[in-house]
Amino acid sequence: MNETQIEKRRHARKQINETAFVFDSNTGEKLGQLLDISREGFMLLSIREITVQQQLNLTLELPNTISVSGHHLIKVSAKCAWCQPSSFSHDFGAGFQITSISEQDNVALQYFIRDF
């Protein structure tokens, strides 16, 4: 997203300081690493370009200090709002808007944003 685009976010973004991956729920393919997240969307660093407006079913593997595995999985449907070459690597930055999330996963996401 460039500086000339109007900021449309209504909720603060939470920076992810630990490794958190995003997977395509249908294929299991790792799409990239989560960089930040809010109640309405997230940004990831992807090894491949993602088509803008593409709707995907995704699994977010969030860090979780309570879980034995060290991660909490949240499933969402999300639409790619933008994708552009990264300014700090050979990857792509992509922004997603969450379009669908279960009530249980939404509660878990809210707790993660608040507490982690």
PDB file of N, CA and C in Angstrom:
ATOM      1  N   MET A   1       0.851  -1.159   0.000  1.00  0.00           N
ATOM      2  CA  MET A   1       0.000   0.000   0.000  1.00  0.00           C
ATOM      3  C   MET A   1       0.897   1.221   0.000  1.00  0.00           C
ATOM      4  N   ASN A   2       0.629   2.168  -0.870  1.00  0.00           N
ATOM      5  CA  ASN A   2       1.487   3.346  -0.926  1.00  0.00           C
ATOM      6  C   ASN A   2       0.921   4.488  -0.091  1.00  0.00           C
ATOM      7  N   GLU A   3       1.720   5.512   0.082  1.00  0.00           N
ATOM      8  CA  GLU A   3       1.359   6.617   0.968  1.00  0.00           C
ATOM      9  C   GLU A   3       0.215   7.470   0.435  1.00  0.00           C
ATOM     10  N   THR A   4      -0.086   7.372  -0.856  1.00  0.00           N
ATOM     11  CA  THR A   4      -1.159   8.184  -1.406  1.00  0.00           C
ATOM     12  C   THR A   4      -2.531   7.564  -1.185  1.00  0.00           C
ATOM     13  N   GLN A   5      -2.564   6.284  -0.803  1.00  0.00           N
ATOM     14  CA  GLN A   5      -3.844   5.648  -0.550  1.00  0.00           C
ATOM     15  C   GLN A   5      -4.408   6.122   0.781  1.00  0.00           C
ATOM     16  N   ILE A   6      -5.710   6.275   0.823  1.00  0.00           N
ATOM     17  CA  ILE A   6      -6.381   6.748   2.027  1.00  0.00           C
ATOM     18  C   ILE A   6      -6.428   5.622   3.048  1.00  0.00           C
ATOM     19  N   GLU A   7      -6.090   5.935   4.280  1.00  0.00           N
ATOM     20  CA  GLU A   7      -6.128   4.963   5.374  1.00  0.00           C
ATOM     21  C   GLU A   7      -7.590   4.636   5.685  1.00  0.00           C
ATOM     22  N   LYS A   8      -7.961   3.353   5.567  1.00  0.00           N
ATOM     23  CA  LYS A   8      -9.340   2.937   5.780  1.00  0.00           C
ATOM     24  C   LYS A   8      -9.508   2.091   7.045  1.00  0.00           C
ATOM     25  N   ARG A   9      -8.441   1.841   7.757  1.00  0.00           N
ATOM     26  CA  ARG A   9      -8.529   0.993   8.942  1.00  0.00           C
ATOM     27  C   ARG A   9      -9.274   1.712  10.064  1.00  0.00           C
ATOM     28  N   ARG A  10     -10.150   0.958  10.734  1.00  0.00           N
ATOM     29  CA  ARG A  10     -10.882   1.501  11.873  1.00  0.00           C
ATOM     30  C   ARG A  10     -10.338   0.985  13.194  1.00  0.00           C
ATOM     31  N   HIS A  11      -9.499  -0.056  13.129  1.00  0.00           N
ATOM     32  CA  HIS A  11      -8.975  -0.666  14.340  1.00  0.00           C
ATOM     33  C   HIS A  11      -7.450  -0.684  14.288  1.00  0.00           C
ATOM     34  N   ALA A  12      -6.849  -0.502  15.437  1.00  0.00           N
ATOM     35  CA  ALA A  12      -5.388  -0.483  15.530  1.00  0.00           C
ATOM     36  C   ALA A  12      -4.819  -1.844  15.140  1.00  0.00           C
ATOM     37  N   ARG A  13      -3.657  -1.807  14.500  1.00  0.00           N
ATOM     38  CA  ARG A  13      -2.968  -3.039  14.119  1.00  0.00           C
ATOM     39  C   ARG A  13      -2.038  -3.462  15.241  1.00  0.00           C
ATOM     40  N   LYS A  14      -1.922  -4.765  15.434  1.00  0.00           N
ATOM     41  CA  LYS A  14      -1.000  -5.321  16.416  1.00  0.00           C
ATOM     42  C   LYS A  14       0.175  -5.930  15.664  1.00  0.00           C
ATOM     43  N   GLN A  15       1.369  -5.451  15.946  1.00  0.00           N
ATOM     44  CA  GLN A  15       2.570  -6.007  15.340  1.00  0.00           C
ATOM     45  C   GLN A  15       2.804  -7.416  15.878  1.00  0.00           C
ATOM     46  N   ILE A  16       3.200  -8.316  15.011  1.00  0.00           N
ATOM     47  CA  ILE A  16       3.498  -9.693  15.408  1.00  0.00           C
ATOM     48  C   ILE A  16       5.016  -9.807  15.506  1.00  0.00           C
ATOM     49  N   ASN A  17       5.509 -10.008  16.708  1.00  0.00           N
ATOM     50  CA  ASN A  17       6.953 -10.054  16.938  1.00  0.00           C
ATOM     51  C   ASN A  17       7.513 -11.466  17.013  1.00  0.00           C
ATOM     52  N   GLU A  18       6.653 -12.455  16.879  1.00  0.00           N
ATOM     53  CA  GLU A  18       7.079 -13.857  16.853  1.00  0.00           C
ATOM     54  C   GLU A  18       6.655 -14.454  15.526  1.00  0.00           C
ATOM     55  N   THR A  19       7.200 -15.588  15.190  1.00  0.00           N
ATOM     56  CA  THR A  19       6.857 -16.235  13.934  1.00  0.00           C
ATOM     57  C   THR A  19       5.407 -16.699  13.962  1.00  0.00           C
ATOM     58  N   ALA A  20       4.651 -16.263  12.974  1.00  0.00           N
ATOM     59  CA  ALA A  20       3.243 -16.646  12.824  1.00  0.00           C
ATOM     60  C   ALA A  20       2.978 -16.800  11.329  1.00  0.00           C
ATOM     61  N   PHE A  21       2.574 -17.987  10.910  1.00  0.00           N
ATOM     62  CA  PHE A  21       2.394 -18.256   9.489  1.00  0.00           C
ATOM     63  C   PHE A  21       0.929 -18.235   9.087  1.00  0.00           C
ATOM     64  N   VAL A  22       0.701 -18.014   7.797  1.00  0.00           N
ATOM     65  CA  VAL A  22      -0.629 -18.041   7.207  1.00  0.00           C
ATOM     66  C   VAL A  22      -0.630 -19.134   6.142  1.00  0.00           C
ATOM     67  N   PHE A  23      -1.638 -20.005   6.195  1.00  0.00           N
ATOM     68  CA  PHE A  23      -1.754 -21.130   5.278  1.00  0.00           C
ATOM     69  C   PHE A  23      -3.059 -21.050   4.499  1.00  0.00           C
ATOM     70  N   ASP A  24      -3.038 -21.528   3.259  1.00  0.00           N
ATOM     71  CA  ASP A  24      -4.261 -21.703   2.486  1.00  0.00           C
ATOM     72  C   ASP A  24      -4.982 -22.909   3.098  1.00  0.00           C
ATOM     73  N   SER A  25      -6.185 -22.702   3.613  1.00  0.00           N
ATOM     74  CA  SER A  25      -6.918 -23.782   4.296  1.00  0.00           C
ATOM     75  C   SER A  25      -7.304 -24.905   3.346  1.00  0.00           C
ATOM     76  N   ASN A  26      -7.466 -24.601   2.072  1.00  0.00           N
ATOM     77  CA  ASN A  26      -7.892 -25.622   1.104  1.00  0.00           C
ATOM     78  C   ASN A  26      -6.746 -26.504   0.639  1.00  0.00           C
ATOM     79  N   THR A  27      -5.553 -25.928   0.492  1.00  0.00           N
ATOM     80  CA  THR A  27      -4.420 -26.692  -0.057  1.00  0.00           C
ATOM     81  C   THR A  27      -3.341 -27.008   0.974  1.00  0.00           C
ATOM     82  N   GLY A  28      -3.330 -26.279   2.085  1.00  0.00           N
ATOM     83  CA  GLY A  28      -2.282 -26.446   3.086  1.00  0.00           C
ATOM     84  C   GLY A  28      -1.020 -25.673   2.762  1.00  0.00           C
ATOM     85  N   GLU A  29      -0.989 -24.984   1.621  1.00  0.00           N
ATOM     86  CA  GLU A  29       0.188 -24.217   1.207  1.00  0.00           C
ATOM     87  C   GLU A  29       0.460 -23.069   2.184  1.00  0.00           C
ATOM     88  N   LYS A  30       1.730 -22.931   2.566  1.00  0.00           N
ATOM     89  CA  LYS A  30       2.117 -21.800   3.406  1.00  0.00           C
ATOM     90  C   LYS A  30       2.209 -20.577   2.502  1.00  0.00           C
ATOM     91  N   LEU A  31       1.369 -19.558   2.788  1.00  0.00           N
ATOM     92  CA  LEU A  31       1.365 -18.348   1.964  1.00  0.00           C
ATOM     93  C   LEU A  31       2.388 -17.333   2.429  1.00  0.00           C
ATOM     94  N   GLY A  32       2.674 -17.323   3.715  1.00  0.00           N
ATOM     95  CA  GLY A  32       3.640 -16.353   4.195  1.00  0.00           C
ATOM     96  C   GLY A  32       3.620 -16.194   5.698  1.00  0.00           C
ATOM     97  N   GLN A  33       4.285 -15.140   6.142  1.00  0.00           N
ATOM     98  CA  GLN A  33       4.420 -14.843   7.563  1.00  0.00           C
ATOM     99  C   GLN A  33       3.591 -13.618   7.918  1.00  0.00           C
ATOM    100  N   LEU A  34       2.842 -13.732   8.992  1.00  0.00           N
ATOM    101  CA  LEU A  34       2.004 -12.639   9.475  1.00  0.00           C
ATOM    102  C   LEU A  34       2.876 -11.540  10.060  1.00  0.00           C
ATOM    103  N   LEU A  35       2.643 -10.290   9.623  1.00  0.00           N
ATOM    104  CA  LEU A  35       3.414  -9.158  10.126  1.00  0.00           C
ATOM    105  C   LEU A  35       2.622  -8.322  11.129  1.00  0.00           C
ATOM    106  N   ASP A  36       1.330  -8.129  10.843  1.00  0.00           N
ATOM    107  CA  ASP A  36       0.465  -7.427  11.793  1.00  0.00           C
ATOM    108  C   ASP A  36      -0.967  -7.889  11.593  1.00  0.00           C
ATOM    109  N   ILE A  37      -1.809  -7.589  12.597  1.00  0.00           N
ATOM    110  CA  ILE A  37      -3.199  -8.050  12.546  1.00  0.00           C
ATOM    111  C   ILE A  37      -4.075  -7.067  13.307  1.00  0.00           C
ATOM    112  N   SER A  38      -5.334  -6.954  12.865  1.00  0.00           N
ATOM    113  CA  SER A  38      -6.335  -6.159  13.570  1.00  0.00           C
ATOM    114  C   SER A  38      -7.633  -6.956  13.565  1.00  0.00           C
ATOM    115  N   ARG A  39      -8.677  -6.369  14.107  1.00  0.00           N
ATOM    116  CA  ARG A  39      -9.978  -7.045  14.134  1.00  0.00           C
ATOM    117  C   ARG A  39     -10.527  -7.260  12.736  1.00  0.00           C
ATOM    118  N   GLU A  40     -10.088  -6.455  11.778  1.00  0.00           N
ATOM    119  CA  GLU A  40     -10.673  -6.507  10.444  1.00  0.00           C
ATOM    120  C   GLU A  40      -9.756  -7.052   9.359  1.00  0.00           C
ATOM    121  N   GLY A  41      -8.453  -7.202   9.668  1.00  0.00           N
ATOM    122  CA  GLY A  41      -7.566  -7.666   8.617  1.00  0.00           C
ATOM    123  C   GLY A  41      -6.146  -7.876   9.098  1.00  0.00           C
ATOM    124  N   PHE A  42      -5.271  -8.151   8.154  1.00  0.00           N
ATOM    125  CA  PHE A  42      -3.881  -8.438   8.508  1.00  0.00           C
ATOM    126  C   PHE A  42      -2.988  -8.200   7.306  1.00  0.00           C
ATOM    127  N   MET A  43      -1.690  -8.135   7.586  1.00  0.00           N
ATOM    128  CA  MET A  43      -0.691  -8.014   6.542  1.00  0.00           C
ATOM    129  C   MET A  43       0.246  -9.198   6.654  1.00  0.00           C
ATOM    130  N   LEU A  44       0.626  -9.736   5.493  1.00  0.00           N
ATOM    131  CA  LEU A  44       1.582 -10.830   5.527  1.00  0.00           C
ATOM    132  C   LEU A  44       2.674 -10.594   4.505  1.00  0.00           C
ATOM    133  N   LEU A  45       3.785 -11.235   4.750  1.00  0.00           N
ATOM    134  CA  LEU A  45       4.916 -11.241   3.837  1.00  0.00           C
ATOM    135  C   LEU A  45       4.874 -12.585   3.131  1.00  0.00           C
ATOM    136  N   SER A  46       4.672 -12.559   1.808  1.00  0.00           N
ATOM    137  CA  SER A  46       4.471 -13.783   1.032  1.00  0.00           C
ATOM    138  C   SER A  46       5.601 -13.996   0.033  1.00  0.00           C
ATOM    139  N   ILE A  47       5.930 -15.263  -0.217  1.00  0.00           N
ATOM    140  CA  ILE A  47       6.967 -15.565  -1.207  1.00  0.00           C
ATOM    141  C   ILE A  47       6.439 -15.404  -2.628  1.00  0.00           C
ATOM    142  N   ARG A  48       5.119 -15.335  -2.776  1.00  0.00           N
ATOM    143  CA  ARG A  48       4.539 -15.174  -4.116  1.00  0.00           C
ATOM    144  C   ARG A  48       3.550 -14.017  -4.128  1.00  0.00           C
ATOM    145  N   GLU A  49       3.343 -13.491  -5.308  1.00  0.00           N
ATOM    146  CA  GLU A  49       2.374 -12.408  -5.475  1.00  0.00           C
ATOM    147  C   GLU A  49       0.964 -12.978  -5.350  1.00  0.00           C
ATOM    148  N   ILE A  50       0.105 -12.262  -4.665  1.00  0.00           N
ATOM    149  CA  ILE A  50      -1.283 -12.687  -4.474  1.00  0.00           C
ATOM    150  C   ILE A  50      -2.172 -11.718  -5.260  1.00  0.00           C
ATOM    151  N   THR A  51      -3.118 -12.265  -5.974  1.00  0.00           N
ATOM    152  CA  THR A  51      -4.001 -11.462  -6.816  1.00  0.00           C
ATOM    153  C   THR A  51      -4.909 -10.585  -5.956  1.00  0.00           C
ATOM    154  N   VAL A  52      -4.909  -9.286  -6.252  1.00  0.00           N
ATOM    155  CA  VAL A  52      -5.781  -8.353  -5.546  1.00  0.00           C
ATOM    156  C   VAL A  52      -7.236  -8.738  -5.814  1.00  0.00           C
ATOM    157  N   GLN A  53      -8.057  -8.646  -4.796  1.00  0.00           N
ATOM    158  CA  GLN A  53      -9.484  -9.014  -4.796  1.00  0.00           C
ATOM    159  C   GLN A  53      -9.704 -10.523  -4.698  1.00  0.00           C
ATOM    160  N   GLN A  54      -8.623 -11.321  -4.671  1.00  0.00           N
ATOM    161  CA  GLN A  54      -8.779 -12.771  -4.541  1.00  0.00           C
ATOM    162  C   GLN A  54      -9.301 -13.097  -3.142  1.00  0.00           C
ATOM    163  N   GLN A  55     -10.317 -13.939  -3.083  1.00  0.00           N
ATOM    164  CA  GLN A  55     -10.909 -14.392  -1.831  1.00  0.00           C
ATOM    165  C   GLN A  55     -10.296 -15.749  -1.491  1.00  0.00           C
ATOM    166  N   LEU A  56      -9.757 -15.882  -0.277  1.00  0.00           N
ATOM    167  CA  LEU A  56      -9.101 -17.116   0.138  1.00  0.00           C
ATOM    168  C   LEU A  56      -9.616 -17.584   1.490  1.00  0.00           C
ATOM    169  N   ASN A  57      -9.642 -18.896   1.680  1.00  0.00           N
ATOM    170  CA  ASN A  57      -9.890 -19.485   2.997  1.00  0.00           C
ATOM    171  C   ASN A  57      -8.526 -19.736   3.610  1.00  0.00           C
ATOM    172  N   LEU A  58      -8.276 -19.106   4.757  1.00  0.00           N
ATOM    173  CA  LEU A  58      -6.941 -19.114   5.346  1.00  0.00           C
ATOM    174  C   LEU A  58      -6.960 -19.611   6.776  1.00  0.00           C
ATOM    175  N   THR A  59      -5.825 -20.150   7.196  1.00  0.00           N
ATOM    176  CA  THR A  59      -5.608 -20.527   8.589  1.00  0.00           C
ATOM    177  C   THR A  59      -4.452 -19.685   9.105  1.00  0.00           C
ATOM    178  N   LEU A  60      -4.704 -18.930  10.164  1.00  0.00           N
ATOM    179  CA  LEU A  60      -3.686 -18.109  10.810  1.00  0.00           C
ATOM    180  C   LEU A  60      -3.135 -18.893  11.986  1.00  0.00           C
ATOM    181  N   GLU A  61      -1.844 -19.086  11.992  1.00  0.00           N
ATOM    182  CA  GLU A  61      -1.176 -19.822  13.071  1.00  0.00           C
ATOM    183  C   GLU A  61      -0.579 -18.781  14.024  1.00  0.00           C
ATOM    184  N   LEU A  62      -1.370 -18.390  15.024  1.00  0.00           N
ATOM    185  CA  LEU A  62      -0.964 -17.329  15.939  1.00  0.00           C
ATOM    186  C   LEU A  62      -0.163 -17.877  17.110  1.00  0.00           C
ATOM    187  N   PRO A  63       0.846 -17.131  17.557  1.00  0.00           N
ATOM    188  CA  PRO A  63       1.581 -17.542  18.759  1.00  0.00           C
ATOM    189  C   PRO A  63       0.618 -17.597  19.949  1.00  0.00           C
ATOM    190  N   ASN A  64       0.811 -18.585  20.803  1.00  0.00           N
ATOM    191  CA  ASN A  64      -0.062 -18.736  21.967  1.00  0.00           C
ATOM    192  C   ASN A  64       0.757 -19.354  23.088  1.00  0.00           C
ATOM    193  N   THR A  65       1.005 -18.600  24.116  1.00  0.00           N
ATOM    194  CA  THR A  65       1.835 -19.098  25.213  1.00  0.00           C
ATOM    195  C   THR A  65       1.116 -20.132  26.068  1.00  0.00           C
ATOM    196  N   ILE A  66      -0.186 -20.246  25.953  1.00  0.00           N
ATOM    197  CA  ILE A  66      -0.946 -21.203  26.766  1.00  0.00           C
ATOM    198  C   ILE A  66      -0.969 -22.585  26.123  1.00  0.00           C
ATOM    199  N   SER A  67      -1.018 -22.640  24.802  1.00  0.00           N
ATOM    200  CA  SER A  67      -1.137 -23.897  24.077  1.00  0.00           C
ATOM    201  C   SER A  67       0.134 -24.743  24.209  1.00  0.00           C
ATOM    202  N   VAL A  68      -0.046 -26.061  24.287  1.00  0.00           N
ATOM    203  CA  VAL A  68       1.092 -26.976  24.358  1.00  0.00           C
ATOM    204  C   VAL A  68       1.922 -26.884  23.074  1.00  0.00           C
ATOM    205  N   SER A  69       1.244 -26.740  21.936  1.00  0.00           N
ATOM    206  CA  SER A  69       1.951 -26.673  20.656  1.00  0.00           C
ATOM    207  C   SER A  69       2.608 -25.311  20.440  1.00  0.00           C
ATOM    208  N   GLY A  70       2.219 -24.328  21.238  1.00  0.00           N
ATOM    209  CA  GLY A  70       2.787 -22.995  21.084  1.00  0.00           C
ATOM    210  C   GLY A  70       2.070 -22.139  20.062  1.00  0.00           C
ATOM    211  N   HIS A  71       0.994 -22.655  19.457  1.00  0.00           N
ATOM    212  CA  HIS A  71       0.256 -21.906  18.454  1.00  0.00           C
ATOM    213  C   HIS A  71      -1.239 -22.085  18.641  1.00  0.00           C
ATOM    214  N   HIS A  72      -1.985 -21.111  18.148  1.00  0.00           N
ATOM    215  CA  HIS A  72      -3.437 -21.198  18.122  1.00  0.00           C
ATOM    216  C   HIS A  72      -3.876 -20.990  16.682  1.00  0.00           C
ATOM    217  N   LEU A  73      -4.673 -21.893  16.146  1.00  0.00           N
ATOM    218  CA  LEU A  73      -5.108 -21.810  14.757  1.00  0.00           C
ATOM    219  C   LEU A  73      -6.453 -21.109  14.663  1.00  0.00           C
ATOM    220  N   ILE A  74      -6.529 -20.102  13.801  1.00  0.00           N
ATOM    221  CA  ILE A  74      -7.764 -19.374  13.558  1.00  0.00           C
ATOM    222  C   ILE A  74      -8.052 -19.434  12.067  1.00  0.00           C
ATOM    223  N   LYS A  75      -9.267 -19.851  11.725  1.00  0.00           N
ATOM    224  CA  LYS A  75      -9.661 -19.952  10.321  1.00  0.00           C
ATOM    225  C   LYS A  75     -10.505 -18.738   9.942  1.00  0.00           C
ATOM    226  N   VAL A  76     -10.164 -18.156   8.788  1.00  0.00           N
ATOM    227  CA  VAL A  76     -10.887 -16.994   8.282  1.00  0.00           C
ATOM    228  C   VAL A  76     -11.045 -17.119   6.773  1.00  0.00           C
ATOM    229  N   SER A  77     -12.018 -16.408   6.248  1.00  0.00           N
ATOM    230  CA  SER A  77     -12.063 -16.113   4.816  1.00  0.00           C
ATOM    231  C   SER A  77     -11.624 -14.667   4.710  1.00  0.00           C
ATOM    232  N   ALA A  78     -10.777 -14.383   3.732  1.00  0.00           N
ATOM    233  CA  ALA A  78     -10.248 -13.023   3.613  1.00  0.00           C
ATOM    234  C   ALA A  78     -10.017 -12.680   2.146  1.00  0.00           C
ATOM    235  N   LYS A  79     -10.128 -11.383   1.847  1.00  0.00           N
ATOM    236  CA  LYS A  79      -9.930 -10.876   0.491  1.00  0.00           C
ATOM    237  C   LYS A  79      -8.654 -10.059   0.458  1.00  0.00           C
ATOM    238  N   CYS A  80      -7.826 -10.315  -0.545  1.00  0.00           N
ATOM    239  CA  CYS A  80      -6.589  -9.558  -0.718  1.00  0.00           C
ATOM    240  C   CYS A  80      -6.946  -8.138  -1.168  1.00  0.00           C
ATOM    241  N   ALA A  81      -6.599  -7.145  -0.355  1.00  0.00           N
ATOM    242  CA  ALA A  81      -6.906  -5.748  -0.659  1.00  0.00           C
ATOM    243  C   ALA A  81      -5.798  -5.101  -1.494  1.00  0.00           C
ATOM    244  N   TRP A  82      -4.563  -5.562  -1.286  1.00  0.00           N
ATOM    245  CA  TRP A  82      -3.420  -5.023  -2.036  1.00  0.00           C
ATOM    246  C   TRP A  82      -2.259  -6.000  -1.941  1.00  0.00           C
ATOM    247  N   CYS A  83      -1.373  -5.935  -2.912  1.00  0.00           N
ATOM    248  CA  CYS A  83      -0.165  -6.749  -2.908  1.00  0.00           C
ATOM    249  C   CYS A  83       0.881  -6.002  -3.719  1.00  0.00           C
ATOM    250  N   GLN A  84       2.080  -5.908  -3.164  1.00  0.00           N
ATOM    251  CA  GLN A  84       3.166  -5.210  -3.854  1.00  0.00           C
ATOM    252  C   GLN A  84       4.498  -5.785  -3.413  1.00  0.00           C
ATOM    253  N   PRO A  85       5.533  -5.585  -4.230  1.00  0.00           N
ATOM    254  CA  PRO A  85       6.854  -6.075  -3.831  1.00  0.00           C
ATOM    255  C   PRO A  85       7.275  -5.469  -2.498  1.00  0.00           C
ATOM    256  N   SER A  86       7.878  -6.284  -1.654  1.00  0.00           N
ATOM    257  CA  SER A  86       8.351  -5.823  -0.354  1.00  0.00           C
ATOM    258  C   SER A  86       9.489  -4.827  -0.528  1.00  0.00           C
ATOM    259  N   SER A  87       9.551  -3.871   0.385  1.00  0.00           N
ATOM    260  CA  SER A  87      10.626  -2.878   0.342  1.00  0.00           C
ATOM    261  C   SER A  87      11.881  -3.381   1.063  1.00  0.00           C
ATOM    262  N   PHE A  88      11.790  -4.536   1.747  1.00  0.00           N
ATOM    263  CA  PHE A  88      12.930  -5.018   2.521  1.00  0.00           C
ATOM    264  C   PHE A  88      13.324  -6.465   2.231  1.00  0.00           C
ATOM    265  N   SER A  89      12.717  -7.075   1.212  1.00  0.00           N
ATOM    266  CA  SER A  89      13.094  -8.445   0.845  1.00  0.00           C
ATOM    267  C   SER A  89      12.664  -8.696  -0.602  1.00  0.00           C
ATOM    268  N   HIS A  90      12.876  -9.918  -1.086  1.00  0.00           N
ATOM    269  CA  HIS A  90      12.461 -10.291  -2.440  1.00  0.00           C
ATOM    270  C   HIS A  90      11.034 -10.823  -2.451  1.00  0.00           C
ATOM    271  N   ASP A  91      10.349 -10.726  -1.327  1.00  0.00           N
ATOM    272  CA  ASP A  91       8.994 -11.238  -1.194  1.00  0.00           C
ATOM    273  C   ASP A  91       7.967 -10.159  -1.558  1.00  0.00           C
ATOM    274  N   PHE A  92       6.712 -10.447  -1.242  1.00  0.00           N
ATOM    275  CA  PHE A  92       5.618  -9.515  -1.492  1.00  0.00           C
ATOM    276  C   PHE A  92       4.898  -9.215  -0.187  1.00  0.00           C
ATOM    277  N   GLY A  93       4.528  -7.965   0.016  1.00  0.00           N
ATOM    278  CA  GLY A  93       3.657  -7.586   1.121  1.00  0.00           C
ATOM    279  C   GLY A  93       2.237  -7.640   0.607  1.00  0.00           C
ATOM    280  N   ALA A  94       1.326  -8.180   1.412  1.00  0.00           N
ATOM    281  CA  ALA A  94      -0.075  -8.273   1.003  1.00  0.00           C
ATOM    282  C   ALA A  94      -0.972  -7.947   2.184  1.00  0.00           C
ATOM    283  N   GLY A  95      -1.970  -7.140   1.926  1.00  0.00           N
ATOM    284  CA  GLY A  95      -2.950  -6.787   2.949  1.00  0.00           C
ATOM    285  C   GLY A  95      -4.251  -7.513   2.691  1.00  0.00           C
ATOM    286  N   PHE A  96      -4.841  -8.044   3.746  1.00  0.00           N
ATOM    287  CA  PHE A  96      -6.090  -8.802   3.633  1.00  0.00           C
ATOM    288  C   PHE A  96      -7.169  -8.217   4.528  1.00  0.00           C
ATOM    289  N   GLN A  97      -8.395  -8.231   4.028  1.00  0.00           N
ATOM    290  CA  GLN A  97      -9.567  -7.852   4.806  1.00  0.00           C
ATOM    291  C   GLN A  97     -10.301  -9.141   5.164  1.00  0.00           C
ATOM    292  N   ILE A  98     -10.556  -9.343   6.452  1.00  0.00           N
ATOM    293  CA  ILE A  98     -11.294 -10.534   6.893  1.00  0.00           C
ATOM    294  C   ILE A  98     -12.754 -10.351   6.496  1.00  0.00           C
ATOM    295  N   THR A  99     -13.282 -11.329   5.745  1.00  0.00           N
ATOM    296  CA  THR A  99     -14.666 -11.249   5.292  1.00  0.00           C
ATOM    297  C   THR A  99     -15.585 -12.202   6.046  1.00  0.00           C
ATOM    298  N   SER A 100     -15.005 -13.236   6.660  1.00  0.00           N
ATOM    299  CA  SER A 100     -15.805 -14.199   7.407  1.00  0.00           C
ATOM    300  C   SER A 100     -14.924 -14.880   8.452  1.00  0.00           C
ATOM    301  N   ILE A 101     -15.475 -15.017   9.663  1.00  0.00           N
ATOM    302  CA  ILE A 101     -14.779 -15.688  10.756  1.00  0.00           C
ATOM    303  C   ILE A 101     -15.839 -16.226  11.709  1.00  0.00           C
ATOM    304  N   SER A 102     -15.633 -17.432  12.241  1.00  0.00           N
ATOM    305  CA  SER A 102     -16.605 -17.992  13.176  1.00  0.00           C
ATOM    306  C   SER A 102     -16.594 -17.186  14.471  1.00  0.00           C
ATOM    307  N   GLU A 103     -17.666 -17.269  15.216  1.00  0.00           N
ATOM    308  CA  GLU A 103     -17.763 -16.542  16.488  1.00  0.00           C
ATOM    309  C   GLU A 103     -16.645 -16.981  17.442  1.00  0.00           C
ATOM    310  N   GLN A 104     -16.395 -18.277  17.509  1.00  0.00           N
ATOM    311  CA  GLN A 104     -15.351 -18.798  18.400  1.00  0.00           C
ATOM    312  C   GLN A 104     -13.969 -18.274  17.999  1.00  0.00           C
ATOM    313  N   ASP A 105     -13.653 -18.300  16.701  1.00  0.00           N
ATOM    314  CA  ASP A 105     -12.365 -17.796  16.250  1.00  0.00           C
ATOM    315  C   ASP A 105     -12.268 -16.279  16.407  1.00  0.00           C
ATOM    316  N   ASN A 106     -13.385 -15.580  16.248  1.00  0.00           N
ATOM    317  CA  ASN A 106     -13.392 -14.135  16.432  1.00  0.00           C
ATOM    318  C   ASN A 106     -13.065 -13.776  17.884  1.00  0.00           C
ATOM    319  N   VAL A 107     -13.639 -14.504  18.823  1.00  0.00           N
ATOM    320  CA  VAL A 107     -13.338 -14.272  20.243  1.00  0.00           C
ATOM    321  C   VAL A 107     -11.855 -14.534  20.510  1.00  0.00           C
ATOM    322  N   ALA A 108     -11.337 -15.638  19.981  1.00  0.00           N
ATOM    323  CA  ALA A 108      -9.914 -15.962  20.166  1.00  0.00           C
ATOM    324  C   ALA A 108      -9.027 -14.874  19.565  1.00  0.00           C
ATOM    325  N   LEU A 109      -9.411 -14.355  18.407  1.00  0.00           N
ATOM    326  CA  LEU A 109      -8.642 -13.289  17.771  1.00  0.00           C
ATOM    327  C   LEU A 109      -8.649 -12.024  18.628  1.00  0.00           C
ATOM    328  N   GLN A 110      -9.812 -11.683  19.182  1.00  0.00           N
ATOM    329  CA  GLN A 110      -9.902 -10.486  20.030  1.00  0.00           C
ATOM    330  C   GLN A 110      -9.017 -10.626  21.269  1.00  0.00           C
ATOM    331  N   TYR A 111      -9.016 -11.803  21.887  1.00  0.00           N
ATOM    332  CA  TYR A 111      -8.150 -12.033  23.050  1.00  0.00           C
ATOM    333  C   TYR A 111      -6.680 -11.934  22.652  1.00  0.00           C
ATOM    334  N   PHE A 112      -6.331 -12.487  21.504  1.00  0.00           N
ATOM    335  CA  PHE A 112      -4.948 -12.420  21.038  1.00  0.00           C
ATOM    336  C   PHE A 112      -4.530 -10.962  20.861  1.00  0.00           C
ATOM    337  N   ILE A 113      -5.334 -10.179  20.177  1.00  0.00           N
ATOM    338  CA  ILE A 113      -5.005  -8.775  19.935  1.00  0.00           C
ATOM    339  C   ILE A 113      -4.880  -8.011  21.251  1.00  0.00           C
ATOM    340  N   ARG A 114      -5.736  -8.303  22.188  1.00  0.00           N
ATOM    341  CA  ARG A 114      -5.717  -7.596  23.473  1.00  0.00           C
ATOM    342  C   ARG A 114      -4.561  -8.025  24.375  1.00  0.00           C
ATOM    343  N   ASP A 115      -4.283  -9.330  24.405  1.00  0.00           N
ATOM    344  CA  ASP A 115      -3.391  -9.857  25.454  1.00  0.00           C
ATOM    345  C   ASP A 115      -1.985 -10.229  25.019  1.00  0.00           C
ATOM    346  N   PHE A 116      -1.765 -10.524  23.750  1.00  0.00           N
ATOM    347  CA  PHE A 116      -0.464 -11.048  23.382  1.00  0.00           C
ATOM    348  C   PHE A 116       0.560  -9.944  23.220  1.00  0.00           C
TER     349      PHE A 116
END
